[in-house]
PDB file of N, CA and C in Angstrom:
ATOM      1  N   MET A   1       6.207  -6.037   2.163  1.00  0.00           N
ATOM      2  CA  MET A   1       6.359  -7.280   2.839  1.00  0.00           C
ATOM      3  C   MET A   1       6.228  -8.437   1.849  1.00  0.00           C
ATOM      4  N   LEU A   2       5.391  -8.287   0.852  1.00  0.00           N
ATOM      5  CA  LEU A   2       5.210  -9.395  -0.066  1.00  0.00           C
ATOM      6  C   LEU A   2       6.438  -9.657  -0.901  1.00  0.00           C
ATOM      7  N   SER A   3       7.227  -8.622  -1.203  1.00  0.00           N
ATOM      8  CA  SER A   3       8.434  -8.859  -2.012  1.00  0.00           C
ATOM      9  C   SER A   3       9.509  -9.605  -1.210  1.00  0.00           C
ATOM     10  N   ALA A   4       9.423  -9.638   0.113  1.00  0.00           N
ATOM     11  CA  ALA A   4      10.397 -10.331   0.940  1.00  0.00           C
ATOM     12  C   ALA A   4      10.040 -11.792   1.107  1.00  0.00           C
ATOM     13  N   ALA A   5       8.791 -12.175   0.829  1.00  0.00           N
ATOM     14  CA  ALA A   5       8.379 -13.567   1.014  1.00  0.00           C
ATOM     15  C   ALA A   5       8.790 -14.443  -0.162  1.00  0.00           C
ATOM     16  N   PRO A   6       9.225 -15.682   0.100  1.00  0.00           N
ATOM     17  CA  PRO A   6       9.571 -16.570  -1.012  1.00  0.00           C
ATOM     18  C   PRO A   6       8.327 -16.964  -1.819  1.00  0.00           C
ATOM     19  N   SER A   7       8.476 -17.156  -3.091  1.00  0.00           N
ATOM     20  CA  SER A   7       7.388 -17.529  -3.939  1.00  0.00           C
ATOM     21  C   SER A   7       7.573 -18.913  -4.493  1.00  0.00           C
ATOM     22  N   PRO A   8       6.632 -19.835  -4.280  1.00  0.00           N
ATOM     23  CA  PRO A   8       6.773 -21.155  -4.869  1.00  0.00           C
ATOM     24  C   PRO A   8       6.641 -21.127  -6.391  1.00  0.00           C
ATOM     25  N   LEU A   9       6.056 -20.063  -6.933  1.00  0.00           N
ATOM     26  CA  LEU A   9       5.851 -19.974  -8.359  1.00  0.00           C
ATOM     27  C   LEU A   9       7.055 -19.369  -9.095  1.00  0.00           C
ATOM     28  N   ALA A  10       8.022 -18.855  -8.331  1.00  0.00           N
ATOM     29  CA  ALA A  10       9.182 -18.178  -8.948  1.00  0.00           C
ATOM     30  C   ALA A  10      10.203 -19.189  -9.442  1.00  0.00           C
ATOM     31  N   GLY A  11      10.062 -20.451  -9.211  1.00  0.00           N
ATOM     32  CA  GLY A  11      10.977 -21.451  -9.698  1.00  0.00           C
ATOM     33  C   GLY A  11      12.363 -21.320  -9.101  1.00  0.00           C
ATOM     34  N   GLY A  12      12.441 -20.902  -7.847  1.00  0.00           N
ATOM     35  CA  GLY A  12      13.733 -20.733  -7.194  1.00  0.00           C
ATOM     36  C   GLY A  12      14.367 -19.377  -7.409  1.00  0.00           C
ATOM     37  N   ARG A  13      13.805 -18.558  -8.325  1.00  0.00           N
ATOM     38  CA  ARG A  13      14.339 -17.237  -8.524  1.00  0.00           C
ATOM     39  C   ARG A  13      13.838 -16.284  -7.448  1.00  0.00           C
ATOM     40  N   ARG A  14      14.624 -15.302  -7.164  1.00  0.00           N
ATOM     41  CA  ARG A  14      14.209 -14.305  -6.168  1.00  0.00           C
ATOM     42  C   ARG A  14      13.419 -13.180  -6.857  1.00  0.00           C
ATOM     43  N   ARG A  15      12.452 -12.660  -6.157  1.00  0.00           N
ATOM     44  CA  ARG A  15      11.710 -11.506  -6.682  1.00  0.00           C
ATOM     45  C   ARG A  15      12.517 -10.258  -6.491  1.00  0.00           C
ATOM     46  N   GLU A  16      12.214  -9.281  -7.300  1.00  0.00           N
ATOM     47  CA  GLU A  16      12.829  -7.974  -7.084  1.00  0.00           C
ATOM     48  C   GLU A  16      12.203  -7.359  -5.862  1.00  0.00           C
ATOM     49  N   ARG A  17      13.021  -6.889  -4.952  1.00  0.00           N
ATOM     50  CA  ARG A  17      12.477  -6.292  -3.707  1.00  0.00           C
ATOM     51  C   ARG A  17      12.040  -4.885  -3.965  1.00  0.00           C
ATOM     52  N   SER A  18      10.887  -4.536  -3.420  1.00  0.00           N
ATOM     53  CA  SER A  18      10.444  -3.159  -3.497  1.00  0.00           C
ATOM     54  C   SER A  18      10.674  -2.497  -2.147  1.00  0.00           C
ATOM     55  N   LEU A  19      11.396  -1.401  -2.184  1.00  0.00           N
ATOM     56  CA  LEU A  19      11.715  -0.683  -0.963  1.00  0.00           C
ATOM     57  C   LEU A  19      10.824   0.548  -0.803  1.00  0.00           C
ATOM     58  N   LEU A  20      10.287   0.748   0.337  1.00  0.00           N
ATOM     59  CA  LEU A  20       9.443   1.914   0.574  1.00  0.00           C
ATOM     60  C   LEU A  20      10.345   3.140   0.791  1.00  0.00           C
ATOM     61  N   THR A  21       9.894   4.233   0.214  1.00  0.00           N
ATOM     62  CA  THR A  21      10.578   5.505   0.409  1.00  0.00           C
ATOM     63  C   THR A  21       9.612   6.506   1.046  1.00  0.00           C
ATOM     64  N   GLY A  22      10.005   7.672   1.299  1.00  0.00           N
ATOM     65  CA  GLY A  22       9.134   8.679   1.878  1.00  0.00           C
ATOM     66  C   GLY A  22       9.213   8.726   3.366  1.00  0.00           C
ATOM     67  N   GLU A  23       8.374   9.529   3.962  1.00  0.00           N
ATOM     68  CA  GLU A  23       8.382   9.759   5.377  1.00  0.00           C
ATOM     69  C   GLU A  23       7.493   8.770   6.127  1.00  0.00           C
ATOM     70  N   LEU A  24       7.955   8.345   7.294  1.00  0.00           N
ATOM     71  CA  LEU A  24       7.116   7.509   8.149  1.00  0.00           C
ATOM     72  C   LEU A  24       5.998   8.380   8.745  1.00  0.00           C
ATOM     73  N   PRO A  25       4.762   7.922   8.739  1.00  0.00           N
ATOM     74  CA  PRO A  25       3.704   8.715   9.334  1.00  0.00           C
ATOM     75  C   PRO A  25       3.864   8.765  10.855  1.00  0.00           C
ATOM     76  N   SER A  26       3.576   9.911  11.439  1.00  0.00           N
ATOM     77  CA  SER A  26       3.677  10.076  12.914  1.00  0.00           C
ATOM     78  C   SER A  26       2.423   9.536  13.551  1.00  0.00           C
ATOM     79  N   PRO A  27       2.521   8.625  14.524  1.00  0.00           N
ATOM     80  CA  PRO A  27       1.344   8.146  15.218  1.00  0.00           C
ATOM     81  C   PRO A  27       0.722   9.238  16.080  1.00  0.00           C
ATOM     82  N   ALA A  28       1.528  10.223  16.538  1.00  0.00           N
ATOM     83  CA  ALA A  28       0.972  11.301  17.349  1.00  0.00           C
ATOM     84  C   ALA A  28       0.246  12.328  16.517  1.00  0.00           C
ATOM     85  N   ASP A  29       0.665  12.513  15.258  1.00  0.00           N
ATOM     86  CA  ASP A  29       0.047  13.470  14.370  1.00  0.00           C
ATOM     87  C   ASP A  29      -0.042  12.866  12.969  1.00  0.00           C
ATOM     88  N   PRO A  30      -0.936  11.927  12.777  1.00  0.00           N
ATOM     89  CA  PRO A  30      -1.032  11.206  11.490  1.00  0.00           C
ATOM     90  C   PRO A  30      -1.447  12.159  10.357  1.00  0.00           C
ATOM     91  N   PRO A  31      -1.035  11.850   9.139  1.00  0.00           N
ATOM     92  CA  PRO A  31      -1.443  12.676   7.987  1.00  0.00           C
ATOM     93  C   PRO A  31      -2.945  12.570   7.711  1.00  0.00           C
ATOM     94  N   SER A  32      -3.457  13.550   7.010  1.00  0.00           N
ATOM     95  CA  SER A  32      -4.881  13.506   6.670  1.00  0.00           C
ATOM     96  C   SER A  32      -5.147  12.408   5.657  1.00  0.00           C
ATOM     97  N   GLY A  33      -6.356  11.973   5.568  1.00  0.00           N
ATOM     98  CA  GLY A  33      -6.711  10.924   4.583  1.00  0.00           C
ATOM     99  C   GLY A  33      -6.091   9.588   4.963  1.00  0.00           C
ATOM    100  N   CYS A  34      -5.512   8.948   3.967  1.00  0.00           N
ATOM    101  CA  CYS A  34      -4.878   7.644   4.147  1.00  0.00           C
ATOM    102  C   CYS A  34      -3.620   7.803   4.990  1.00  0.00           C
ATOM    103  N   ARG A  35      -3.499   7.013   6.004  1.00  0.00           N
ATOM    104  CA  ARG A  35      -2.343   7.120   6.936  1.00  0.00           C
ATOM    105  C   ARG A  35      -1.030   6.665   6.279  1.00  0.00           C
ATOM    106  N   PHE A  36      -1.080   5.960   5.181  1.00  0.00           N
ATOM    107  CA  PHE A  36       0.095   5.419   4.532  1.00  0.00           C
ATOM    108  C   PHE A  36       0.512   6.215   3.328  1.00  0.00           C
ATOM    109  N   ARG A  37      -0.175   7.304   3.016  1.00  0.00           N
ATOM    110  CA  ARG A  37       0.066   8.058   1.766  1.00  0.00           C
ATOM    111  C   ARG A  37       1.447   8.655   1.669  1.00  0.00           C
ATOM    112  N   THR A  38       2.107   8.896   2.770  1.00  0.00           N
ATOM    113  CA  THR A  38       3.461   9.501   2.692  1.00  0.00           C
ATOM    114  C   THR A  38       4.497   8.512   2.212  1.00  0.00           C
ATOM    115  N   ARG A  39       4.176   7.221   2.136  1.00  0.00           N
ATOM    116  CA  ARG A  39       5.123   6.187   1.684  1.00  0.00           C
ATOM    117  C   ARG A  39       4.584   5.347   0.538  1.00  0.00           C
ATOM    118  N   CYS A  40       3.383   5.646   0.109  1.00  0.00           N
ATOM    119  CA  CYS A  40       2.720   4.781  -0.916  1.00  0.00           C
ATOM    120  C   CYS A  40       3.101   5.154  -2.328  1.00  0.00           C
ATOM    121  N   PRO A  41       3.465   4.144  -3.171  1.00  0.00           N
ATOM    122  CA  PRO A  41       3.785   4.456  -4.581  1.00  0.00           C
ATOM    123  C   PRO A  41       2.551   4.739  -5.439  1.00  0.00           C
ATOM    124  N   ARG A  42       1.356   4.482  -4.881  1.00  0.00           N
ATOM    125  CA  ARG A  42       0.100   4.696  -5.636  1.00  0.00           C
ATOM    126  C   ARG A  42      -0.595   6.034  -5.265  1.00  0.00           C
ATOM    127  N   VAL A  43       0.020   6.872  -4.477  1.00  0.00           N
ATOM    128  CA  VAL A  43      -0.622   8.055  -3.908  1.00  0.00           C
ATOM    129  C   VAL A  43      -1.146   8.991  -4.980  1.00  0.00           C
ATOM    130  N   ARG A  44      -2.341   9.536  -4.735  1.00  0.00           N
ATOM    131  CA  ARG A  44      -2.989  10.510  -5.583  1.00  0.00           C
ATOM    132  C   ARG A  44      -3.591  11.598  -4.658  1.00  0.00           C
ATOM    133  N   ASP A  45      -4.170  12.641  -5.230  1.00  0.00           N
ATOM    134  CA  ASP A  45      -4.792  13.697  -4.408  1.00  0.00           C
ATOM    135  C   ASP A  45      -5.904  13.141  -3.523  1.00  0.00           C
ATOM    136  N   LEU A  46      -6.643  12.179  -4.015  1.00  0.00           N
ATOM    137  CA  LEU A  46      -7.735  11.590  -3.229  1.00  0.00           C
ATOM    138  C   LEU A  46      -7.245  10.992  -1.906  1.00  0.00           C
ATOM    139  N   CYS A  47      -6.014  10.491  -1.865  1.00  0.00           N
ATOM    140  CA  CYS A  47      -5.495   9.877  -0.692  1.00  0.00           C
ATOM    141  C   CYS A  47      -5.333  10.901   0.459  1.00  0.00           C
ATOM    142  N   ALA A  48      -5.080  12.165   0.132  1.00  0.00           N
ATOM    143  CA  ALA A  48      -4.946  13.186   1.157  1.00  0.00           C
ATOM    144  C   ALA A  48      -6.316  13.715   1.623  1.00  0.00           C
ATOM    145  N   GLU A  49      -7.365  13.508   0.787  1.00  0.00           N
ATOM    146  CA  GLU A  49      -8.670  14.046   1.061  1.00  0.00           C
ATOM    147  C   GLU A  49      -9.557  13.158   1.874  1.00  0.00           C
ATOM    148  N   SER A  50      -9.487  11.845   1.695  1.00  0.00           N
ATOM    149  CA  SER A  50     -10.402  10.928   2.406  1.00  0.00           C
ATOM    150  C   SER A  50      -9.709   9.664   2.815  1.00  0.00           C
ATOM    151  N   VAL A  51     -10.184   9.104   3.905  1.00  0.00           N
ATOM    152  CA  VAL A  51      -9.672   7.827   4.440  1.00  0.00           C
ATOM    153  C   VAL A  51     -10.296   6.678   3.613  1.00  0.00           C
ATOM    154  N   PRO A  52      -9.496   5.790   3.054  1.00  0.00           N
ATOM    155  CA  PRO A  52     -10.068   4.664   2.302  1.00  0.00           C
ATOM    156  C   PRO A  52     -10.782   3.685   3.218  1.00  0.00           C
ATOM    157  N   THR A  53     -11.802   3.054   2.692  1.00  0.00           N
ATOM    158  CA  THR A  53     -12.545   2.011   3.460  1.00  0.00           C
ATOM    159  C   THR A  53     -12.497   0.730   2.675  1.00  0.00           C
ATOM    160  N   PRO A  54     -12.518  -0.385   3.360  1.00  0.00           N
ATOM    161  CA  PRO A  54     -12.549  -1.679   2.651  1.00  0.00           C
ATOM    162  C   PRO A  54     -13.854  -1.785   1.837  1.00  0.00           C
ATOM    163  N   PRO A  55     -13.816  -2.474   0.742  1.00  0.00           N
ATOM    164  CA  PRO A  55     -15.069  -2.662  -0.040  1.00  0.00           C
ATOM    165  C   PRO A  55     -16.043  -3.522   0.760  1.00  0.00           C
ATOM    166  N   PRO A  56     -17.349  -3.339   0.485  1.00  0.00           N
ATOM    167  CA  PRO A  56     -18.370  -4.140   1.175  1.00  0.00           C
ATOM    168  C   PRO A  56     -18.101  -5.659   1.003  1.00  0.00           C
ATOM    169  N   GLY A  57     -18.202  -6.393   2.071  1.00  0.00           N
ATOM    170  CA  GLY A  57     -17.982  -7.821   2.018  1.00  0.00           C
ATOM    171  C   GLY A  57     -16.549  -8.229   2.072  1.00  0.00           C
ATOM    172  N   ALA A  58     -15.617  -7.286   2.233  1.00  0.00           N
ATOM    173  CA  ALA A  58     -14.179  -7.618   2.308  1.00  0.00           C
ATOM    174  C   ALA A  58     -13.907  -8.298   3.633  1.00  0.00           C
ATOM    175  N   PRO A  59     -12.934  -9.201   3.654  1.00  0.00           N
ATOM    176  CA  PRO A  59     -12.562  -9.839   4.936  1.00  0.00           C
ATOM    177  C   PRO A  59     -12.015  -8.811   5.916  1.00  0.00           C
ATOM    178  N   LEU A  60     -12.125  -9.116   7.220  1.00  0.00           N
ATOM    179  CA  LEU A  60     -11.659  -8.159   8.231  1.00  0.00           C
ATOM    180  C   LEU A  60     -10.195  -7.881   8.159  1.00  0.00           C
ATOM    181  N   HIS A  61      -9.418  -8.792   7.614  1.00  0.00           N
ATOM    182  CA  HIS A  61      -7.977  -8.577   7.502  1.00  0.00           C
ATOM    183  C   HIS A  61      -7.549  -7.997   6.151  1.00  0.00           C
ATOM    184  N   GLY A  62      -8.536  -7.605   5.364  1.00  0.00           N
ATOM    185  CA  GLY A  62      -8.253  -7.045   4.029  1.00  0.00           C
ATOM    186  C   GLY A  62      -7.697  -5.589   4.139  1.00  0.00           C
ATOM    187  N   ALA A  63      -7.125  -5.130   3.064  1.00  0.00           N
ATOM    188  CA  ALA A  63      -6.562  -3.803   3.014  1.00  0.00           C
ATOM    189  C   ALA A  63      -7.591  -2.791   2.522  1.00  0.00           C
ATOM    190  N   ALA A  64      -7.513  -1.587   3.034  1.00  0.00           N
ATOM    191  CA  ALA A  64      -8.322  -0.498   2.579  1.00  0.00           C
ATOM    192  C   ALA A  64      -7.457   0.446   1.745  1.00  0.00           C
ATOM    193  N   CYS A  65      -7.765   0.591   0.467  1.00  0.00           N
ATOM    194  CA  CYS A  65      -6.968   1.449  -0.418  1.00  0.00           C
ATOM    195  C   CYS A  65      -7.872   2.026  -1.512  1.00  0.00           C
ATOM    196  N   HIS A  66      -7.648   3.262  -1.865  1.00  0.00           N
ATOM    197  CA  HIS A  66      -8.442   3.856  -2.953  1.00  0.00           C
ATOM    198  C   HIS A  66      -8.078   3.213  -4.311  1.00  0.00           C
ATOM    199  N   PHE A  67      -6.862   2.690  -4.444  1.00  0.00           N
ATOM    200  CA  PHE A  67      -6.390   2.145  -5.725  1.00  0.00           C
ATOM    201  C   PHE A  67      -5.756   0.760  -5.484  1.00  0.00           C
ATOM    202  N   PRO A  68      -6.514  -0.207  -4.960  1.00  0.00           N
ATOM    203  CA  PRO A  68      -5.886  -1.479  -4.604  1.00  0.00           C
ATOM    204  C   PRO A  68      -5.448  -2.368  -5.736  1.00  0.00           C
ATOM    205  N   LEU A  69      -6.055  -2.259  -6.918  1.00  0.00           N
ATOM    206  CA  LEU A  69      -5.744  -3.179  -8.022  1.00  0.00           C
ATOM    207  C   LEU A  69      -4.744  -2.607  -9.019  1.00  0.00           C
ATOM    208  N   GLU A  70      -4.291  -1.362  -8.793  1.00  0.00           N
ATOM    209  CA  GLU A  70      -3.323  -0.764  -9.707  1.00  0.00           C
ATOM    210  C   GLU A  70      -1.926  -1.269  -9.401  1.00  0.00           C
ATOM    211  N   GLU A  71      -1.124  -1.396 -10.419  1.00  0.00           N
ATOM    212  CA  GLU A  71       0.289  -1.691 -10.232  1.00  0.00           C
ATOM    213  C   GLU A  71       0.979  -0.476  -9.680  1.00  0.00           C
ATOM    214  N   ALA A  72       1.929  -0.652  -8.805  1.00  0.00           N
ATOM    215  CA  ALA A  72       2.624   0.467  -8.196  1.00  0.00           C
ATOM    216  C   ALA A  72       3.341   1.306  -9.240  1.00  0.00           C
ATOM    217  N   SER A  73       3.861   0.705 -10.261  1.00  0.00           N
ATOM    218  CA  SER A  73       4.573   1.463 -11.314  1.00  0.00           C
ATOM    219  C   SER A  73       3.660   2.299 -12.185  1.00  0.00           C
ATOM    220  N   ALA A  74       2.358   2.001 -12.156  1.00  0.00           N
ATOM    221  CA  ALA A  74       1.398   2.750 -12.981  1.00  0.00           C
ATOM    222  C   ALA A  74       0.962   4.055 -12.295  1.00  0.00           C
ATOM    223  N   ALA A  75       1.299   4.183 -11.023  1.00  0.00           N
ATOM    224  CA  ALA A  75       0.850   5.361 -10.254  1.00  0.00           C
ATOM    225  C   ALA A  75       1.663   6.578 -10.544  1.00  0.00           C
TER     226      ALA A  75
END
């Protein structure tokens, strides 16, 4: 979603869009661990083993991810 939003810092240039690949998780039979791991570019074995939780003191609208600060290309 962030790649689709305009950026005031881009100086009028468009960002490169990142497209999600992989399977959509089934709401009737969600995958184990992180529900988004079937489409996440940062997925690791840990994602299948445990559900990520937000860090202590995180805002209620924050994201829960085992690897939130990594670049997607580094995964």
